[in-house]
């Protein structure tokens, strides 16, 4: 427990938005380490087209143009 005047450690995780490569509308949210330089790409289920597609990471709140 931190005492008076002591600062807490800055968090190294950030919420990012995984956007479907099949089209806009479907997304997943995922926690990610901010120090990681690798672009996040995950295969997940897209219910709008009923199959597994690649989801790529985008900043949360960022507009997605397909």
N, C-alpha and C. Protein backbone atom coordinates (compact mmCIF):
# COMPACT_ATOMS: atom_id res chain seq x y z
N UNK A 1 0.84 -1.18 0.00
CA UNK A 1 0.00 0.00 0.00
C UNK A 1 0.89 1.24 0.00
N UNK A 2 0.52 2.21 -0.81
CA UNK A 2 1.31 3.43 -0.95
C UNK A 2 0.93 4.42 0.14
N UNK A 3 1.95 5.08 0.65
CA UNK A 3 1.72 6.08 1.67
C UNK A 3 1.43 7.45 1.06
N UNK A 4 1.29 8.44 1.91
CA UNK A 4 0.99 9.79 1.47
C UNK A 4 2.17 10.36 0.68
N UNK A 5 1.91 10.91 -0.50
CA UNK A 5 2.95 11.53 -1.30
C UNK A 5 3.68 10.58 -2.24
N UNK A 6 3.47 9.29 -2.10
CA UNK A 6 4.11 8.33 -3.00
C UNK A 6 3.25 8.16 -4.25
N UNK A 7 3.91 8.03 -5.38
CA UNK A 7 3.16 7.87 -6.63
C UNK A 7 3.04 6.40 -6.98
N UNK A 8 2.01 6.09 -7.69
CA UNK A 8 1.81 4.72 -8.15
C UNK A 8 2.52 4.51 -9.48
N UNK A 9 2.80 3.26 -9.77
CA UNK A 9 3.43 2.90 -11.03
C UNK A 9 2.44 3.10 -12.18
N UNK A 10 2.92 3.63 -13.29
CA UNK A 10 2.08 3.83 -14.46
C UNK A 10 1.73 2.47 -15.06
N UNK A 11 0.49 2.29 -15.45
CA UNK A 11 0.05 1.02 -16.00
C UNK A 11 0.59 0.84 -17.41
N UNK A 12 0.97 -0.40 -17.74
CA UNK A 12 1.54 -0.71 -19.04
C UNK A 12 0.54 -1.36 -19.98
N UNK A 13 -0.74 -1.36 -19.63
CA UNK A 13 -1.74 -1.98 -20.50
C UNK A 13 -2.71 -0.93 -21.01
N UNK A 14 -3.24 -1.19 -22.20
CA UNK A 14 -4.17 -0.28 -22.84
C UNK A 14 -5.23 -1.11 -23.55
N UNK A 15 -6.46 -0.62 -23.58
CA UNK A 15 -7.54 -1.32 -24.27
C UNK A 15 -7.47 -0.94 -25.74
N UNK A 16 -7.41 -1.96 -26.62
CA UNK A 16 -7.44 -1.69 -28.05
C UNK A 16 -8.65 -2.36 -28.66
N UNK A 17 -9.01 -1.94 -29.84
CA UNK A 17 -10.17 -2.44 -30.55
C UNK A 17 -9.69 -3.34 -31.68
N UNK A 18 -10.18 -4.58 -31.74
CA UNK A 18 -9.88 -5.48 -32.84
C UNK A 18 -11.01 -5.39 -33.84
N UNK A 19 -10.70 -4.93 -35.05
CA UNK A 19 -11.71 -4.68 -36.08
C UNK A 19 -11.65 -5.79 -37.12
N UNK A 20 -12.81 -6.26 -37.57
CA UNK A 20 -12.90 -7.34 -38.54
C UNK A 20 -12.37 -6.91 -39.90
N UNK A 21 -11.63 -7.82 -40.55
CA UNK A 21 -11.13 -7.54 -41.90
C UNK A 21 -12.23 -7.76 -42.94
N UNK A 22 -13.32 -8.42 -42.57
CA UNK A 22 -14.42 -8.67 -43.50
C UNK A 22 -15.28 -7.42 -43.71
N UNK A 23 -15.26 -6.50 -42.79
CA UNK A 23 -16.05 -5.29 -42.92
C UNK A 23 -16.28 -4.64 -41.58
N UNK A 24 -16.69 -3.38 -41.58
CA UNK A 24 -16.91 -2.68 -40.32
C UNK A 24 -18.17 -3.18 -39.61
N UNK A 25 -18.25 -2.89 -38.35
CA UNK A 25 -19.45 -3.24 -37.58
C UNK A 25 -19.16 -4.20 -36.45
N UNK A 26 -18.31 -5.20 -36.68
CA UNK A 26 -18.00 -6.18 -35.65
C UNK A 26 -16.61 -5.89 -35.11
N UNK A 27 -16.48 -5.87 -33.78
CA UNK A 27 -15.17 -5.67 -33.17
C UNK A 27 -15.11 -6.38 -31.83
N UNK A 28 -13.90 -6.63 -31.36
CA UNK A 28 -13.63 -7.16 -30.03
C UNK A 28 -12.74 -6.16 -29.32
N UNK A 29 -12.80 -6.11 -28.00
CA UNK A 29 -11.90 -5.27 -27.22
C UNK A 29 -10.91 -6.19 -26.50
N UNK A 30 -9.65 -5.76 -26.44
CA UNK A 30 -8.61 -6.59 -25.85
C UNK A 30 -7.61 -5.71 -25.11
N UNK A 31 -7.12 -6.19 -23.97
CA UNK A 31 -6.07 -5.49 -23.23
C UNK A 31 -4.74 -5.83 -23.88
N UNK A 32 -3.86 -4.82 -23.99
CA UNK A 32 -2.58 -5.02 -24.65
C UNK A 32 -1.49 -4.23 -23.95
N UNK A 33 -0.30 -4.80 -23.90
CA UNK A 33 0.85 -4.13 -23.31
C UNK A 33 1.27 -2.98 -24.22
N UNK A 34 1.50 -1.80 -23.66
CA UNK A 34 1.85 -0.62 -24.45
C UNK A 34 3.27 -0.68 -24.97
N UNK A 35 4.13 -1.48 -24.35
CA UNK A 35 5.52 -1.55 -24.77
C UNK A 35 5.74 -2.52 -25.93
N UNK A 36 4.74 -3.30 -26.28
CA UNK A 36 4.86 -4.25 -27.38
C UNK A 36 4.81 -3.51 -28.72
N UNK A 37 5.74 -3.82 -29.60
CA UNK A 37 5.83 -3.15 -30.90
C UNK A 37 5.16 -3.95 -32.02
N UNK A 38 4.80 -5.20 -31.76
CA UNK A 38 4.21 -6.06 -32.77
C UNK A 38 2.74 -5.71 -32.97
N UNK A 39 2.31 -5.61 -34.24
CA UNK A 39 0.92 -5.32 -34.54
C UNK A 39 0.06 -6.54 -34.20
N UNK A 40 -1.06 -6.31 -33.56
CA UNK A 40 -1.91 -7.40 -33.10
C UNK A 40 -2.85 -7.84 -34.21
N UNK A 41 -2.78 -9.13 -34.57
CA UNK A 41 -3.68 -9.73 -35.56
C UNK A 41 -4.10 -11.09 -35.03
N UNK A 42 -5.41 -11.28 -34.88
CA UNK A 42 -5.94 -12.51 -34.29
C UNK A 42 -7.08 -13.02 -35.17
N UNK A 43 -7.16 -14.35 -35.33
CA UNK A 43 -8.29 -14.94 -36.04
C UNK A 43 -9.39 -15.22 -35.03
N UNK A 44 -10.57 -14.64 -35.26
CA UNK A 44 -11.71 -14.81 -34.37
C UNK A 44 -12.97 -14.99 -35.21
N UNK A 45 -14.04 -15.36 -34.53
CA UNK A 45 -15.32 -15.61 -35.21
C UNK A 45 -16.04 -14.30 -35.48
N UNK A 46 -16.50 -14.13 -36.72
CA UNK A 46 -17.29 -12.96 -37.11
C UNK A 46 -18.74 -13.42 -37.32
N UNK A 47 -19.66 -13.09 -36.43
CA UNK A 47 -21.03 -13.58 -36.54
C UNK A 47 -21.81 -13.01 -37.72
N UNK A 48 -21.39 -11.87 -38.27
CA UNK A 48 -22.12 -11.29 -39.39
C UNK A 48 -21.96 -12.11 -40.67
N UNK A 49 -20.80 -12.76 -40.85
CA UNK A 49 -20.60 -13.60 -42.03
C UNK A 49 -20.47 -15.08 -41.67
N UNK A 50 -20.57 -15.38 -40.39
CA UNK A 50 -20.58 -16.74 -39.85
C UNK A 50 -19.34 -17.56 -40.19
N UNK A 51 -18.18 -16.97 -40.05
CA UNK A 51 -16.93 -17.73 -40.20
C UNK A 51 -15.81 -17.01 -39.47
N UNK A 52 -14.65 -17.65 -39.38
CA UNK A 52 -13.49 -17.07 -38.73
C UNK A 52 -12.75 -16.18 -39.72
N UNK A 53 -12.44 -14.98 -39.31
CA UNK A 53 -11.68 -14.03 -40.13
C UNK A 53 -10.60 -13.39 -39.27
N UNK A 54 -9.70 -12.67 -39.92
CA UNK A 54 -8.63 -11.99 -39.20
C UNK A 54 -9.11 -10.65 -38.67
N UNK A 55 -8.82 -10.40 -37.40
CA UNK A 55 -9.13 -9.13 -36.76
C UNK A 55 -7.82 -8.41 -36.51
N UNK A 56 -7.74 -7.13 -36.87
CA UNK A 56 -6.52 -6.36 -36.68
C UNK A 56 -6.75 -5.28 -35.63
N UNK A 57 -5.70 -4.94 -34.94
CA UNK A 57 -5.78 -3.96 -33.87
C UNK A 57 -5.87 -2.54 -34.38
N UNK A 58 -6.74 -1.74 -33.78
CA UNK A 58 -6.87 -0.32 -34.07
C UNK A 58 -7.01 0.39 -32.74
N UNK A 59 -6.68 1.66 -32.71
CA UNK A 59 -6.83 2.41 -31.47
C UNK A 59 -8.30 2.51 -31.10
N UNK A 60 -8.59 2.49 -29.82
CA UNK A 60 -9.97 2.57 -29.38
C UNK A 60 -10.53 3.94 -29.71
N UNK A 61 -11.68 3.97 -30.36
CA UNK A 61 -12.30 5.23 -30.75
C UNK A 61 -11.90 5.68 -32.14
N UNK A 62 -10.95 4.96 -32.77
CA UNK A 62 -10.51 5.32 -34.11
C UNK A 62 -11.54 4.87 -35.13
N UNK A 63 -11.81 5.70 -36.12
CA UNK A 63 -12.76 5.34 -37.18
C UNK A 63 -12.09 4.33 -38.10
N UNK A 64 -12.86 3.36 -38.59
CA UNK A 64 -12.33 2.32 -39.45
C UNK A 64 -12.93 2.48 -40.83
N UNK A 65 -12.09 2.71 -41.83
CA UNK A 65 -12.54 2.80 -43.22
C UNK A 65 -12.13 1.53 -43.93
N UNK A 66 -13.11 0.83 -44.48
CA UNK A 66 -12.80 -0.42 -45.18
C UNK A 66 -12.93 -0.21 -46.66
